[in-house]
Every structure is written in C-alpha cells, then in structure tokens.
Amino acid sequence: MTVRPASEGDLDHVLRLYDELAEGGSASLPIRHGAGARYAELRSQPGRLLLVAEAGGAVRGTADLLIVPNLTNGGRPWMIIENVIVDGRFRRQGIGKALMEAVIRRAVTANCYKIQFLSRKDRTDAHAFYGRFGFESLAEGFRRYFE
C-alpha cells in the first residue's frame, strides 16, 4: 500500500470515491463539467495536498488537507481535513489507517498545533476509527450551506 500526493491521472478515481462519499445526496456529488481545471487548481494551491491511498494497483482512498497559516498559538499553523473516504469494498484493510497516519505525519512535519475536521453525527463507526488516532469530539461544529 502506498499513500502519495494525487497525480493528474488520479482524477477519475478520486471522483468515483467522492460519488461514494456523497451517499446519493445530489448536492454533495462531485462536479464533472470543469473537473479537470478545478482538480489542477486544488492540486496547485499552496498548503493544500490531496492524498490518495493505492492498494492492489488502484486508488482505494483519499483525504484532502489544507495547512492554514496562523497568528495565534505561537504562529503555528493548523490543518483541516475534508473528503476522507475509503472505497467501501476495501474498508478494514488498513487503507484508512495508512491515510490517517500520513495526514498526521504531514501535520507534525508542518509544525501544526492541531488537526481539525467535521464528521456527520451519525457516522459512529468513523468516529470510533478517528478516536484510535487520538482525535476527540471537543467542539460543537457549525455549517452554513449556500445554494
């Protein structure tokens, strides 16, 4: 298994995983029209890294992370993670673990003072998984969606 930065050729695999992450919710489905340009943009954004986990010669998981510069906490940056997904057919095979370990290593290397992300309240299995890496539910999260 390999965890690496996403390459140009990984777009179709990432979009397939995002289809699964959306769980049929049309608002969450990944874009198709213009996806190539948006994908190139996010891969070139400073501090941003889209990781993919490869197993058996194919992309089986992904995590999108951003290291954010900061003026508090001694000027140490913080990291936010979004769109963490492992192909449902390949869960419980160490792919998610490898992704999370890679995310944590990146945060430590960047001297981040925290990693932050949101997870839907009903995803209790995912919460137990994150807990194994030292993550705790310590704050109330808020979202505002726009049409």
Foldseek 3Di string as FASTA:
>chain_A
DDKDFDDLVCQVVLLVQQCVVCVPPPVSRDDDVCSSVVVVVQCPDPQWTKMFFDDPRHTFWIKIKGWAFDDPPVRQTEMEIDDTGGHPVCPPVCRSVVVVVVVVVVCVVSRHPYYDYDDDPPPVVVVVVVVVVVDDDDDDDDDDDDD
